[in-house]
Protein backbone atom coordinates (compact mmCIF):
# COMPACT_ATOMS: atom_id res chain seq x y z
CA MET A 1 204.25 127.36 178.80
CA ARG A 2 203.96 124.83 181.85
CA ARG A 3 203.95 127.97 184.07
CA PHE A 4 200.68 129.38 182.51
CA LEU A 5 198.82 126.21 182.30
CA PRO A 6 197.79 126.22 185.98
CA ILE A 7 196.38 129.74 185.59
CA VAL A 8 194.29 128.96 182.46
CA LEU A 9 192.73 125.90 184.48
CA ILE A 10 191.88 128.21 187.35
CA CYS A 11 190.23 130.74 185.03
CA CYS A 12 188.36 128.06 183.22
CA PHE A 13 187.19 126.93 186.57
CA PHE A 14 185.94 130.28 187.98
CA LYS A 15 184.42 131.42 184.75
CA PRO A 16 181.15 129.56 185.08
CA VAL A 17 180.92 130.68 188.57
CA GLN A 18 181.19 134.30 187.66
CA THR A 19 178.82 134.10 184.78
CA LYS A 20 176.05 132.25 187.19
CA ALA A 21 176.59 135.11 189.78
CA GLN A 22 176.16 137.73 186.98
CA PHE A 23 172.89 135.96 186.01
CA GLU A 24 171.68 135.73 189.31
CA ALA A 25 172.29 139.30 189.76
CA PHE A 26 170.35 140.36 186.73
CA LYS A 27 167.54 137.90 187.57
CA ASP A 28 167.13 139.49 190.90
CA SER A 29 166.77 143.03 189.24
CA VAL A 30 163.90 142.05 187.12
CA VAL A 31 160.50 143.10 188.41
CA GLN A 32 157.03 142.15 187.00
CA LEU A 33 155.13 145.44 187.28
CA TYR A 34 151.45 145.17 186.93
CA GLY A 35 148.42 147.58 188.15
CA LEU A 36 145.44 149.50 187.51
CA VAL A 37 145.17 153.07 185.81
CA MET A 38 141.94 155.05 186.84
CA THR A 39 140.71 158.61 186.69
CA ALA A 40 141.29 160.60 189.74
CA ASP A 41 137.96 162.14 189.85
CA SER A 42 135.45 159.18 189.18
CA LEU A 43 137.81 156.17 189.81
CA LYS A 44 137.00 154.53 186.59
CA GLY A 45 139.31 152.29 184.71
CA LEU A 46 140.92 154.04 182.08
CA GLU A 47 141.50 152.33 178.64
CA SER A 48 144.35 152.69 176.25
CA VAL A 49 146.77 154.44 178.57
CA SER A 50 150.34 154.45 177.53
CA VAL A 51 152.65 152.62 179.87
CA VAL A 52 156.24 153.20 178.85
CA VAL A 53 159.65 152.42 180.48
CA LYS A 54 161.44 155.73 180.07
CA ASP A 55 164.29 156.13 177.65
CA GLN A 56 164.02 152.45 176.53
CA ASN A 57 161.29 152.46 173.90
CA ARG A 58 159.54 149.60 175.49
CA GLY A 59 155.94 149.71 176.84
CA THR A 60 152.33 148.57 176.87
CA ILE A 61 148.92 149.95 177.03
CA THR A 62 146.06 149.28 179.56
CA ASN A 63 143.17 147.15 178.38
CA GLU A 64 139.35 148.12 178.58
CA LYS A 65 139.29 147.87 182.35
CA GLY A 66 142.52 149.85 182.72
CA VAL A 67 144.73 146.98 183.79
CA PHE A 68 148.43 146.56 182.63
CA SER A 69 151.36 144.36 182.95
CA ILE A 70 155.03 145.08 182.09
CA VAL A 71 158.39 143.75 182.78
CA ALA A 72 161.05 146.25 184.05
CA LEU A 73 164.09 146.59 186.12
CA LYS A 74 164.77 147.94 189.62
CA GLY A 75 165.25 151.61 189.16
CA ASP A 76 163.47 151.94 185.93
CA VAL A 77 161.01 155.16 185.41
CA ILE A 78 157.63 154.21 184.27
CA GLU A 79 155.55 156.86 182.51
CA PHE A 80 151.63 157.04 182.20
CA SER A 81 150.43 159.11 179.28
CA SER A 82 146.93 159.55 177.78
CA VAL A 83 145.22 162.18 175.78
CA GLY A 84 143.38 164.63 177.92
CA TYR A 85 145.36 163.68 181.28
CA LYS A 86 148.67 164.86 182.55
CA THR A 87 151.68 162.58 182.04
CA MET A 88 152.51 160.85 185.41
CA SER A 89 155.65 158.84 186.23
CA VAL A 90 156.77 156.13 189.04
CA THR A 91 160.18 154.96 189.79
CA ILE A 92 160.43 151.39 190.86
CA PRO A 93 162.60 151.29 194.04
CA LYS A 94 166.11 149.78 193.68
CA ASN A 95 165.72 148.12 197.08
CA LEU A 96 162.60 146.40 196.40
CA ASP A 97 162.10 142.90 197.82
CA GLY A 98 161.14 140.31 195.45
CA ASN A 99 160.39 140.52 191.85
CA GLN A 100 156.78 141.70 191.70
CA GLN A 101 154.89 145.02 192.41
CA SER A 102 151.60 146.11 192.06
CA ILE A 103 150.54 149.79 191.57
CA ILE A 104 147.32 151.75 191.31
CA GLN A 105 147.83 154.98 189.16
CA LEU A 106 145.48 157.82 189.17
CA MET A 107 145.35 160.21 186.00
CA VAL A 108 144.43 163.92 186.46
CA ASN A 109 142.55 165.76 183.67
CA ASP A 110 144.71 168.14 181.77
CA THR A 111 143.05 171.46 180.72
CA VAL A 112 144.02 172.54 177.27
CA TYR A 113 142.87 175.95 176.03
CA LEU A 114 142.38 175.88 172.23
CA PRO A 115 142.34 179.22 170.03
CA ALA A 116 138.83 180.90 169.47
CA THR A 117 137.27 179.89 166.36
CA ILE A 118 135.19 182.51 164.42
CA ILE A 119 132.29 181.18 162.24
CA LYS A 120 130.97 183.49 159.65
CA ALA A 121 127.75 183.35 157.67
CA ARG A 122 127.85 182.12 154.01
CA PRO A 123 128.02 184.80 151.42
CA THR A 124 124.77 185.54 149.53
CA ARG A 125 124.36 184.93 145.98
CA ALA A 126 124.63 188.51 145.17
CA GLN A 127 127.69 188.79 147.10
CA PHE A 128 129.25 185.94 145.29
CA GLU A 129 128.32 187.03 142.03
CA ARG A 130 129.79 190.72 142.70
CA ASP A 131 133.13 189.35 143.97
CA PHE A 132 133.13 186.74 141.13
CA LEU A 133 132.99 189.31 138.47
CA ASN A 134 135.11 191.77 140.06
CA ASN A 135 137.91 189.40 140.67
CA PRO A 136 140.73 189.83 138.12
CA VAL A 137 141.60 186.92 136.02
CA PRO A 138 145.31 186.66 135.16
CA ASP A 139 145.97 186.19 131.33
CA ASP A 140 146.89 182.82 130.01
CA ASN A 141 149.93 181.79 127.71
CA ILE A 142 148.04 182.46 124.63
CA ALA A 143 146.98 185.95 125.71
CA ILE A 144 150.42 186.87 126.94
CA ALA A 145 151.90 185.59 123.49
CA ARG A 146 149.46 187.76 121.51
CA LYS A 147 150.37 190.89 123.63
CA ASN A 148 154.12 190.06 123.01
CA ASN A 149 153.78 189.62 119.15
CA ASP A 150 151.72 192.84 118.76
CA GLU A 151 152.99 195.23 116.11
CA ALA A 152 153.25 198.25 118.20
CA THR A 153 154.96 196.36 120.84
CA ARG A 154 157.59 194.90 118.66
CA ARG A 155 158.17 198.27 117.14
CA ILE A 156 158.81 199.79 120.64
CA LEU A 157 161.27 196.77 121.52
CA VAL A 158 163.02 197.22 118.23
CA ALA A 159 163.44 201.02 118.65
CA ASN A 160 164.40 201.03 122.30
CA MET A 161 166.11 197.74 123.22
CA PRO A 162 169.96 197.88 123.10
CA VAL A 163 171.77 195.74 120.38
CA ASP A 164 173.42 192.42 121.67
CA GLY A 165 177.10 191.54 121.16
CA ARG A 166 176.49 189.93 117.72
CA GLU A 167 174.78 193.08 116.39
CA ALA A 168 177.14 195.35 117.91
CA SER A 169 180.16 193.37 116.39
CA SER A 170 178.60 193.10 112.86
CA GLN A 171 177.92 196.87 112.82
CA TYR A 172 181.57 197.61 113.89
CA LEU A 173 182.82 195.21 111.19
CA ARG A 174 180.52 196.98 108.40
CA GLN A 175 181.91 200.33 109.51
CA ALA A 176 185.47 199.03 109.40
CA SER A 177 184.90 197.66 105.95
CA THR A 178 183.37 200.68 104.76
CA LYS A 179 186.22 202.68 106.21
CA ALA A 180 188.87 200.41 104.41
CA TYR A 181 187.08 200.53 101.01
CA TYR A 182 187.02 204.24 100.64
CA ALA A 183 190.51 204.62 102.21
CA GLY A 184 192.36 207.29 100.21
CA GLN A 185 189.41 208.81 98.55
CA ILE A 186 186.23 210.76 99.52
CA ALA A 187 183.21 208.49 100.33
CA PRO A 188 180.14 209.13 98.52
CA GLN A 189 177.47 211.42 99.86
CA ASN A 190 174.01 209.73 99.84
CA ILE A 191 172.26 213.20 99.86
CA PHE A 192 173.10 213.31 96.14
CA ASN A 193 171.87 209.55 95.61
CA PRO A 194 168.54 209.50 94.02
CA PHE A 195 167.84 205.80 95.39
CA ALA A 196 168.45 207.15 98.72
CA TRP A 197 165.87 209.77 98.38
CA ALA A 198 163.47 207.36 97.07
CA GLU A 199 163.69 205.40 100.13
CA PHE A 200 163.51 208.37 102.36
CA ILE A 201 160.06 209.22 100.50
CA LYS A 202 158.61 205.88 101.01
CA ALA A 203 159.42 205.69 104.68
CA TRP A 204 157.92 209.31 105.17
CA LYS A 205 154.81 207.95 103.44
CA ARG A 206 154.65 204.88 105.62
CA GLY A 207 154.90 207.01 108.71
CA ASP A 208 158.14 205.88 109.97
CA PHE A 209 159.15 209.22 111.31
CA LYS A 210 155.89 209.86 113.27
CA LYS A 211 156.26 210.46 117.25
CA LYS A 212 156.91 207.16 118.80
CA ASP A 213 154.97 205.91 121.76
CA THR A 214 156.14 207.38 125.04
CA ARG A 215 155.96 203.96 126.63
CA ARG A 216 159.41 202.52 127.14
CA PRO A 217 160.75 199.41 128.85
CA VAL A 218 162.01 200.14 132.25
CA ASN A 219 165.66 199.01 131.50
CA SER A 220 165.99 201.18 128.27
CA THR A 221 169.15 202.80 128.01
CA THR A 222 168.96 204.25 124.63
CA SER A 223 169.16 208.10 124.02
CA PRO A 224 166.47 210.07 122.10
CA SER A 225 166.24 209.78 118.53
CA THR A 226 167.73 212.48 116.20
CA THR A 227 166.09 213.92 113.04
CA PRO A 228 166.35 211.35 110.20
CA THR A 229 168.09 212.17 106.97
CA PRO A 230 168.25 210.16 103.77
CA ASN A 231 171.68 208.67 104.92
CA ASP A 232 169.73 206.97 107.80
CA ILE A 233 167.33 205.57 105.17
CA TYR A 234 170.07 204.33 102.58
CA ASN A 235 172.17 203.08 105.49
CA PRO A 236 169.93 202.05 108.11
CA ARG A 237 171.15 201.66 111.74
CA HIS A 238 171.26 198.16 113.47
């Protein structure tokens, strides 16, 4: 412990000296930069020019006479930018004597080519009425609902849309139940059933067997219907 005590005392003695040397070096590198920004063609003071230290997000702007003042370090790059002028940059020399420097920066006009703008005359009243009347207006929700609930549309959908899983399973269970009910005997034929013939005649008068509309949904997968019989009326398909 006594061996390291002199070393600690020496470090505590030289630490303030080292810190002071670093502060003096940093103080010597600080530069007060001030100057004037003018246009290159007319030598007039340029107002509101951005004066920024590059890559440090520090800067200022010129006043109404083009004068600016900013604190920077030796070796920093100062950028001057303004709308309508080319961006200029100045590097502060690292071997600059003293802590002040003045500069006069000239800004050169920057030519920017904008795309051409085509101005057309306003349409006449007749042209506006023609375009307004010929413009197709999409159906609202009420009109779409009325079309979907139309009787003819519903008949086409019922006749051509395939059954879902519940309907298919229900039909299969009814067929299995009928087959099990008449197991071991001959199932009755509805062609000799007077009630089936009565339902067949009623359906014929209603026009259920007339030619269907040729319009079909795009995703229809059903096959063409066959000729109806009284069995179809008494035991309708699902």
